[in-house]
Amino acid sequence: MGEEAGVYHLRQLLGVQKLKVFSAMNDFLLDYRTGNESSPLMHCCFVLLASASRCMCTKPIPVRFPNGFRAGYGGEREWMA
């Protein structure tokens, strides 16, 4: 994905509110609003968007524990009971 495609993808995601930016990220918002596409923050965002599709999966991978142990199931003998 080229830089122009990353810029377009970022603007598209922000436009349809599928990507949200915290208001505490003042530097990023300033760079975005002024159109400073050469800032390191914007480059990081472009790279993240370009590589995110390779990192995401549609199905969660089941975790297999040895000896039939199942984590996360509370019972009367659970440590938080």
PDB file of N, CA and C in Angstrom:
ATOM      1  N   MET A   1       0.852  -1.169   0.000  1.00  0.00           N
ATOM      2  CA  MET A   1       0.000   0.000   0.000  1.00  0.00           C
ATOM      3  C   MET A   1       0.894   1.226   0.000  1.00  0.00           C
ATOM      4  N   GLY A   2       0.647   2.144  -0.912  1.00  0.00           N
ATOM      5  CA  GLY A   2       1.438   3.349  -0.997  1.00  0.00           C
ATOM      6  C   GLY A   2       1.018   4.377   0.039  1.00  0.00           C
ATOM      7  N   GLU A   3       1.780   5.447   0.108  1.00  0.00           N
ATOM      8  CA  GLU A   3       1.482   6.480   1.109  1.00  0.00           C
ATOM      9  C   GLU A   3       0.142   7.153   0.832  1.00  0.00           C
ATOM     10  N   GLU A   4      -0.164   7.391  -0.449  1.00  0.00           N
ATOM     11  CA  GLU A   4      -1.433   8.022  -0.781  1.00  0.00           C
ATOM     12  C   GLU A   4      -2.609   7.127  -0.401  1.00  0.00           C
ATOM     13  N   ALA A   5      -2.431   5.826  -0.593  1.00  0.00           N
ATOM     14  CA  ALA A   5      -3.482   4.888  -0.215  1.00  0.00           C
ATOM     15  C   ALA A   5      -3.663   4.869   1.300  1.00  0.00           C
ATOM     16  N   GLY A   6      -2.569   4.983   2.049  1.00  0.00           N
ATOM     17  CA  GLY A   6      -2.660   5.035   3.501  1.00  0.00           C
ATOM     18  C   GLY A   6      -3.377   6.277   3.975  1.00  0.00           C
ATOM     19  N   VAL A   7      -3.093   7.403   3.335  1.00  0.00           N
ATOM     20  CA  VAL A   7      -3.769   8.656   3.675  1.00  0.00           C
ATOM     21  C   VAL A   7      -5.257   8.528   3.396  1.00  0.00           C
ATOM     22  N   TYR A   8      -5.598   7.987   2.236  1.00  0.00           N
ATOM     23  CA  TYR A   8      -7.004   7.821   1.867  1.00  0.00           C
ATOM     24  C   TYR A   8      -7.704   6.872   2.836  1.00  0.00           C
ATOM     25  N   HIS A   9      -7.053   5.772   3.185  1.00  0.00           N
ATOM     26  CA  HIS A   9      -7.642   4.791   4.093  1.00  0.00           C
ATOM     27  C   HIS A   9      -7.871   5.407   5.473  1.00  0.00           C
ATOM     28  N   LEU A  10      -6.913   6.187   5.960  1.00  0.00           N
ATOM     29  CA  LEU A  10      -7.060   6.846   7.253  1.00  0.00           C
ATOM     30  C   LEU A  10      -8.234   7.812   7.235  1.00  0.00           C
ATOM     31  N   ARG A  11      -8.319   8.632   6.215  1.00  0.00           N
ATOM     32  CA  ARG A  11      -9.409   9.605   6.135  1.00  0.00           C
ATOM     33  C   ARG A  11     -10.765   8.912   5.994  1.00  0.00           C
ATOM     34  N   GLN A  12     -10.786   7.809   5.263  1.00  0.00           N
ATOM     35  CA  GLN A  12     -12.033   7.070   5.094  1.00  0.00           C
ATOM     36  C   GLN A  12     -12.484   6.465   6.428  1.00  0.00           C
ATOM     37  N   LEU A  13     -11.580   5.854   7.175  1.00  0.00           N
ATOM     38  CA  LEU A  13     -11.935   5.250   8.454  1.00  0.00           C
ATOM     39  C   LEU A  13     -12.363   6.298   9.477  1.00  0.00           C
ATOM     40  N   LEU A  14     -11.675   7.428   9.510  1.00  0.00           N
ATOM     41  CA  LEU A  14     -12.074   8.487  10.430  1.00  0.00           C
ATOM     42  C   LEU A  14     -13.416   9.088  10.027  1.00  0.00           C
ATOM     43  N   GLY A  15     -13.676   9.162   8.725  1.00  0.00           N
ATOM     44  CA  GLY A  15     -14.927   9.741   8.238  1.00  0.00           C
ATOM     45  C   GLY A  15     -16.153   8.922   8.586  1.00  0.00           C
ATOM     46  N   VAL A  16     -16.037   7.606   8.549  1.00  0.00           N
ATOM     47  CA  VAL A  16     -17.179   6.750   8.870  1.00  0.00           C
ATOM     48  C   VAL A  16     -17.144   6.283  10.326  1.00  0.00           C
ATOM     49  N   GLN A  17     -16.251   6.858  11.116  1.00  0.00           N
ATOM     50  CA  GLN A  17     -16.105   6.602  12.548  1.00  0.00           C
ATOM     51  C   GLN A  17     -15.817   5.139  12.878  1.00  0.00           C
ATOM     52  N   LYS A  18     -14.996   4.504  12.051  1.00  0.00           N
ATOM     53  CA  LYS A  18     -14.527   3.156  12.352  1.00  0.00           C
ATOM     54  C   LYS A  18     -13.160   3.182  13.015  1.00  0.00           C
ATOM     55  N   LEU A  19     -12.543   4.338  13.038  1.00  0.00           N
ATOM     56  CA  LEU A  19     -11.274   4.549  13.725  1.00  0.00           C
ATOM     57  C   LEU A  19     -11.448   5.789  14.581  1.00  0.00           C
ATOM     58  N   LYS A  20     -11.212   5.635  15.856  1.00  0.00           N
ATOM     59  CA  LYS A  20     -11.393   6.763  16.760  1.00  0.00           C
ATOM     60  C   LYS A  20     -10.055   7.129  17.383  1.00  0.00           C
ATOM     61  N   VAL A  21      -9.872   8.413  17.613  1.00  0.00           N
ATOM     62  CA  VAL A  21      -8.637   8.934  18.194  1.00  0.00           C
ATOM     63  C   VAL A  21      -9.003   9.611  19.508  1.00  0.00           C
ATOM     64  N   PHE A  22      -8.299   9.268  20.568  1.00  0.00           N
ATOM     65  CA  PHE A  22      -8.552   9.889  21.856  1.00  0.00           C
ATOM     66  C   PHE A  22      -8.236  11.376  21.797  1.00  0.00           C
ATOM     67  N   SER A  23      -9.024  12.167  22.497  1.00  0.00           N
ATOM     68  CA  SER A  23      -8.800  13.613  22.500  1.00  0.00           C
ATOM     69  C   SER A  23      -7.496  13.988  23.196  1.00  0.00           C
ATOM     70  N   ALA A  24      -6.940  13.085  23.999  1.00  0.00           N
ATOM     71  CA  ALA A  24      -5.674  13.353  24.662  1.00  0.00           C
ATOM     72  C   ALA A  24      -4.481  13.285  23.699  1.00  0.00           C
ATOM     73  N   MET A  25      -4.697  12.782  22.490  1.00  0.00           N
ATOM     74  CA  MET A  25      -3.615  12.695  21.501  1.00  0.00           C
ATOM     75  C   MET A  25      -3.547  13.995  20.709  1.00  0.00           C
ATOM     76  N   ASN A  26      -3.197  15.054  21.413  1.00  0.00           N
ATOM     77  CA  ASN A  26      -3.207  16.396  20.823  1.00  0.00           C
ATOM     78  C   ASN A  26      -2.266  16.528  19.640  1.00  0.00           C
ATOM     79  N   ASP A  27      -1.066  15.959  19.726  1.00  0.00           N
ATOM     80  CA  ASP A  27      -0.097  16.082  18.630  1.00  0.00           C
ATOM     81  C   ASP A  27      -0.601  15.403  17.365  1.00  0.00           C
ATOM     82  N   PHE A  28      -1.190  14.224  17.512  1.00  0.00           N
ATOM     83  CA  PHE A  28      -1.716  13.522  16.345  1.00  0.00           C
ATOM     84  C   PHE A  28      -2.858  14.319  15.723  1.00  0.00           C
ATOM     85  N   LEU A  29      -3.775  14.802  16.564  1.00  0.00           N
ATOM     86  CA  LEU A  29      -4.908  15.555  16.039  1.00  0.00           C
ATOM     87  C   LEU A  29      -4.465  16.844  15.356  1.00  0.00           C
ATOM     88  N   LEU A  30      -3.444  17.491  15.905  1.00  0.00           N
ATOM     89  CA  LEU A  30      -2.920  18.708  15.281  1.00  0.00           C
ATOM     90  C   LEU A  30      -2.319  18.396  13.914  1.00  0.00           C
ATOM     91  N   ASP A  31      -1.525  17.314  13.831  1.00  0.00           N
ATOM     92  CA  ASP A  31      -0.936  16.920  12.545  1.00  0.00           C
ATOM     93  C   ASP A  31      -2.017  16.535  11.541  1.00  0.00           C
ATOM     94  N   TYR A  32      -3.044  15.859  12.003  1.00  0.00           N
ATOM     95  CA  TYR A  32      -4.122  15.434  11.101  1.00  0.00           C
ATOM     96  C   TYR A  32      -4.910  16.640  10.595  1.00  0.00           C
ATOM     97  N   ARG A  33      -5.244  17.542  11.495  1.00  0.00           N
ATOM     98  CA  ARG A  33      -6.066  18.699  11.110  1.00  0.00           C
ATOM     99  C   ARG A  33      -5.319  19.674  10.225  1.00  0.00           C
ATOM    100  N   THR A  34      -4.013  19.800  10.416  1.00  0.00           N
ATOM    101  CA  THR A  34      -3.235  20.716   9.573  1.00  0.00           C
ATOM    102  C   THR A  34      -2.775  20.056   8.279  1.00  0.00           C
ATOM    103  N   GLY A  35      -2.971  18.765   8.156  1.00  0.00           N
ATOM    104  CA  GLY A  35      -2.580  18.069   6.934  1.00  0.00           C
ATOM    105  C   GLY A  35      -1.104  17.771   6.861  1.00  0.00           C
ATOM    106  N   ASN A  36      -0.440  17.700   7.991  1.00  0.00           N
ATOM    107  CA  ASN A  36       0.996  17.427   8.038  1.00  0.00           C
ATOM    108  C   ASN A  36       1.222  15.914   7.897  1.00  0.00           C
ATOM    109  N   GLU A  37       1.217  15.437   6.663  1.00  0.00           N
ATOM    110  CA  GLU A  37       1.332  14.002   6.403  1.00  0.00           C
ATOM    111  C   GLU A  37       2.763  13.496   6.524  1.00  0.00           C
ATOM    112  N   SER A  38       3.722  14.384   6.699  1.00  0.00           N
ATOM    113  CA  SER A  38       5.111  13.950   6.819  1.00  0.00           C
ATOM    114  C   SER A  38       5.556  13.787   8.274  1.00  0.00           C
ATOM    115  N   SER A  39       4.631  13.961   9.218  1.00  0.00           N
ATOM    116  CA  SER A  39       5.012  13.822  10.627  1.00  0.00           C
ATOM    117  C   SER A  39       5.178  12.344  10.975  1.00  0.00           C
ATOM    118  N   PRO A  40       6.030  12.040  11.951  1.00  0.00           N
ATOM    119  CA  PRO A  40       6.233  10.642  12.356  1.00  0.00           C
ATOM    120  C   PRO A  40       4.958   9.977  12.877  1.00  0.00           C
ATOM    121  N   LEU A  41       4.106  10.738  13.545  1.00  0.00           N
ATOM    122  CA  LEU A  41       2.855  10.161  14.045  1.00  0.00           C
ATOM    123  C   LEU A  41       1.948   9.704  12.903  1.00  0.00           C
ATOM    124  N   MET A  42       1.874  10.512  11.861  1.00  0.00           N
ATOM    125  CA  MET A  42       1.033  10.149  10.727  1.00  0.00           C
ATOM    126  C   MET A  42       1.625   8.948   9.988  1.00  0.00           C
ATOM    127  N   HIS A  43       2.947   8.899   9.842  1.00  0.00           N
ATOM    128  CA  HIS A  43       3.585   7.755   9.193  1.00  0.00           C
ATOM    129  C   HIS A  43       3.332   6.471   9.978  1.00  0.00           C
ATOM    130  N   CYS A  44       3.412   6.557  11.301  1.00  0.00           N
ATOM    131  CA  CYS A  44       3.118   5.377  12.130  1.00  0.00           C
ATOM    132  C   CYS A  44       1.690   4.911  11.917  1.00  0.00           C
ATOM    133  N   CYS A  45       0.776   5.849  11.835  1.00  0.00           N
ATOM    134  CA  CYS A  45      -0.621   5.495  11.622  1.00  0.00           C
ATOM    135  C   CYS A  45      -0.819   4.843  10.254  1.00  0.00           C
ATOM    136  N   PHE A  46      -0.181   5.371   9.219  1.00  0.00           N
ATOM    137  CA  PHE A  46      -0.294   4.790   7.885  1.00  0.00           C
ATOM    138  C   PHE A  46       0.237   3.361   7.860  1.00  0.00           C
ATOM    139  N   VAL A  47       1.384   3.142   8.496  1.00  0.00           N
ATOM    140  CA  VAL A  47       1.988   1.807   8.524  1.00  0.00           C
ATOM    141  C   VAL A  47       1.104   0.844   9.310  1.00  0.00           C
ATOM    142  N   LEU A  48       0.547   1.312  10.410  1.00  0.00           N
ATOM    143  CA  LEU A  48      -0.347   0.475  11.199  1.00  0.00           C
ATOM    144  C   LEU A  48      -1.566   0.061  10.397  1.00  0.00           C
ATOM    145  N   LEU A  49      -2.145   0.993   9.676  1.00  0.00           N
ATOM    146  CA  LEU A  49      -3.310   0.664   8.861  1.00  0.00           C
ATOM    147  C   LEU A  49      -2.947  -0.284   7.721  1.00  0.00           C
ATOM    148  N   ALA A  50      -1.769  -0.103   7.158  1.00  0.00           N
ATOM    149  CA  ALA A  50      -1.344  -0.955   6.051  1.00  0.00           C
ATOM    150  C   ALA A  50      -1.067  -2.377   6.518  1.00  0.00           C
ATOM    151  N   SER A  51      -0.538  -2.535   7.724  1.00  0.00           N
ATOM    152  CA  SER A  51      -0.182  -3.865   8.203  1.00  0.00           C
ATOM    153  C   SER A  51      -1.274  -4.514   9.039  1.00  0.00           C
ATOM    154  N   ALA A  52      -2.285  -3.767   9.430  1.00  0.00           N
ATOM    155  CA  ALA A  52      -3.323  -4.309  10.320  1.00  0.00           C
ATOM    156  C   ALA A  52      -4.109  -5.429   9.661  1.00  0.00           C
ATOM    157  N   SER A  53      -4.315  -5.357   8.370  1.00  0.00           N
ATOM    158  CA  SER A  53      -5.106  -6.397   7.710  1.00  0.00           C
ATOM    159  C   SER A  53      -4.399  -7.747   7.748  1.00  0.00           C
ATOM    160  N   ARG A  54      -3.073  -7.746   7.811  1.00  0.00           N
ATOM    161  CA  ARG A  54      -2.342  -9.002   7.907  1.00  0.00           C
ATOM    162  C   ARG A  54      -2.342  -9.548   9.327  1.00  0.00           C
ATOM    163  N   CYS A  55      -2.561  -8.690  10.315  1.00  0.00           N
ATOM    164  CA  CYS A  55      -2.514  -9.112  11.720  1.00  0.00           C
ATOM    165  C   CYS A  55      -3.865  -9.556  12.245  1.00  0.00           C
ATOM    166  N   MET A  56      -4.938  -9.131  11.610  1.00  0.00           N
ATOM    167  CA  MET A  56      -6.274  -9.450  12.102  1.00  0.00           C
ATOM    168  C   MET A  56      -6.749 -10.790  11.571  1.00  0.00           C
ATOM    169  N   CYS A  57      -7.577 -11.450  12.353  1.00  0.00           N
ATOM    170  CA  CYS A  57      -8.194 -12.681  11.889  1.00  0.00           C
ATOM    171  C   CYS A  57      -9.687 -12.611  12.193  1.00  0.00           C
ATOM    172  N   THR A  58     -10.475 -13.369  11.464  1.00  0.00           N
ATOM    173  CA  THR A  58     -11.917 -13.313  11.643  1.00  0.00           C
ATOM    174  C   THR A  58     -12.405 -14.242  12.737  1.00  0.00           C
ATOM    175  N   LYS A  59     -11.708 -15.329  12.986  1.00  0.00           N
ATOM    176  CA  LYS A  59     -12.096 -16.276  14.013  1.00  0.00           C
ATOM    177  C   LYS A  59     -11.066 -16.301  15.126  1.00  0.00           C
ATOM    178  N   PRO A  60     -11.516 -16.313  16.378  1.00  0.00           N
ATOM    179  CA  PRO A  60     -10.530 -16.457  17.445  1.00  0.00           C
ATOM    180  C   PRO A  60      -9.931 -17.859  17.443  1.00  0.00           C
ATOM    181  N   ILE A  61      -8.665 -17.938  17.739  1.00  0.00           N
ATOM    182  CA  ILE A  61      -7.981 -19.223  17.782  1.00  0.00           C
ATOM    183  C   ILE A  61      -8.196 -19.834  19.159  1.00  0.00           C
ATOM    184  N   PRO A  62      -8.759 -21.031  19.243  1.00  0.00           N
ATOM    185  CA  PRO A  62      -9.005 -21.622  20.557  1.00  0.00           C
ATOM    186  C   PRO A  62      -7.692 -21.959  21.268  1.00  0.00           C
ATOM    187  N   VAL A  63      -7.671 -21.706  22.558  1.00  0.00           N
ATOM    188  CA  VAL A  63      -6.493 -21.988  23.373  1.00  0.00           C
ATOM    189  C   VAL A  63      -6.653 -23.375  23.964  1.00  0.00           C
ATOM    190  N   ARG A  64      -5.654 -24.187  23.781  1.00  0.00           N
ATOM    191  CA  ARG A  64      -5.699 -25.553  24.299  1.00  0.00           C
ATOM    192  C   ARG A  64      -4.748 -25.659  25.490  1.00  0.00           C
ATOM    193  N   PHE A  65      -5.298 -26.111  26.610  1.00  0.00           N
ATOM    194  CA  PHE A  65      -4.519 -26.275  27.827  1.00  0.00           C
ATOM    195  C   PHE A  65      -4.226 -27.757  28.036  1.00  0.00           C
ATOM    196  N   PRO A  66      -3.075 -28.077  28.615  1.00  0.00           N
ATOM    197  CA  PRO A  66      -2.744 -29.479  28.871  1.00  0.00           C
ATOM    198  C   PRO A  66      -3.587 -30.050  30.016  1.00  0.00           C
ATOM    199  N   ASN A  67      -3.760 -31.355  30.001  1.00  0.00           N
ATOM    200  CA  ASN A  67      -4.436 -32.102  31.066  1.00  0.00           C
ATOM    201  C   ASN A  67      -5.880 -31.680  31.295  1.00  0.00           C
ATOM    202  N   GLY A  68      -6.544 -31.157  30.287  1.00  0.00           N
ATOM    203  CA  GLY A  68      -7.951 -30.801  30.416  1.00  0.00           C
ATOM    204  C   GLY A  68      -8.224 -29.579  31.266  1.00  0.00           C
ATOM    205  N   PHE A  69      -7.196 -28.812  31.612  1.00  0.00           N
ATOM    206  CA  PHE A  69      -7.372 -27.605  32.420  1.00  0.00           C
ATOM    207  C   PHE A  69      -8.122 -26.567  31.603  1.00  0.00           C
ATOM    208  N   ARG A  70      -9.127 -25.958  32.197  1.00  0.00           N
ATOM    209  CA  ARG A  70      -9.882 -24.902  31.527  1.00  0.00           C
ATOM    210  C   ARG A  70      -9.813 -23.641  32.375  1.00  0.00           C
ATOM    211  N   ALA A  71      -9.242 -22.609  31.834  1.00  0.00           N
ATOM    212  CA  ALA A  71      -9.091 -21.353  32.568  1.00  0.00           C
ATOM    213  C   ALA A  71     -10.348 -20.500  32.401  1.00  0.00           C
ATOM    214  N   GLY A  72     -10.634 -19.727  33.420  1.00  0.00           N
ATOM    215  CA  GLY A  72     -11.715 -18.753  33.317  1.00  0.00           C
ATOM    216  C   GLY A  72     -13.069 -19.260  33.751  1.00  0.00           C
ATOM    217  N   TYR A  73     -13.183 -20.474  34.201  1.00  0.00           N
ATOM    218  CA  TYR A  73     -14.461 -20.998  34.656  1.00  0.00           C
ATOM    219  C   TYR A  73     -14.469 -21.000  36.175  1.00  0.00           C
ATOM    220  N   GLY A  74     -15.248 -20.124  36.750  1.00  0.00           N
ATOM    221  CA  GLY A  74     -15.290 -20.002  38.200  1.00  0.00           C
ATOM    222  C   GLY A  74     -16.152 -21.081  38.812  1.00  0.00           C
ATOM    223  N   GLY A  75     -15.831 -21.438  39.969  1.00  0.00           N
ATOM    224  CA  GLY A  75     -16.593 -22.411  40.720  1.00  0.00           C
ATOM    225  C   GLY A  75     -16.431 -22.131  42.192  1.00  0.00           C
ATOM    226  N   GLU A  76     -16.970 -22.988  43.022  1.00  0.00           N
ATOM    227  CA  GLU A  76     -16.884 -22.749  44.449  1.00  0.00           C
ATOM    228  C   GLU A  76     -15.465 -22.888  44.985  1.00  0.00           C
ATOM    229  N   ARG A  77     -14.594 -23.602  44.243  1.00  0.00           N
ATOM    230  CA  ARG A  77     -13.207 -23.753  44.688  1.00  0.00           C
ATOM    231  C   ARG A  77     -12.275 -22.791  43.957  1.00  0.00           C
ATOM    232  N   GLU A  78     -12.820 -21.863  43.184  1.00  0.00           N
ATOM    233  CA  GLU A  78     -12.012 -20.874  42.473  1.00  0.00           C
ATOM    234  C   GLU A  78     -11.415 -19.898  43.481  1.00  0.00           C
ATOM    235  N   TRP A  79     -10.269 -19.320  43.187  1.00  0.00           N
ATOM    236  CA  TRP A  79      -9.565 -18.487  44.145  1.00  0.00           C
ATOM    237  C   TRP A  79     -10.324 -17.189  44.454  1.00  0.00           C
ATOM    238  N   MET A  80     -11.204 -16.756  43.552  1.00  0.00           N
ATOM    239  CA  MET A  80     -11.952 -15.517  43.803  1.00  0.00           C
ATOM    240  C   MET A  80     -13.326 -15.793  44.425  1.00  0.00           C
ATOM    241  N   ALA A  81     -13.647 -17.028  44.680  1.00  0.00           N
ATOM    242  CA  ALA A  81     -14.972 -17.363  45.213  1.00  0.00           C
ATOM    243  C   ALA A  81     -15.113 -16.949  46.654  1.00  0.00           C
TER     244      ALA A  81
END
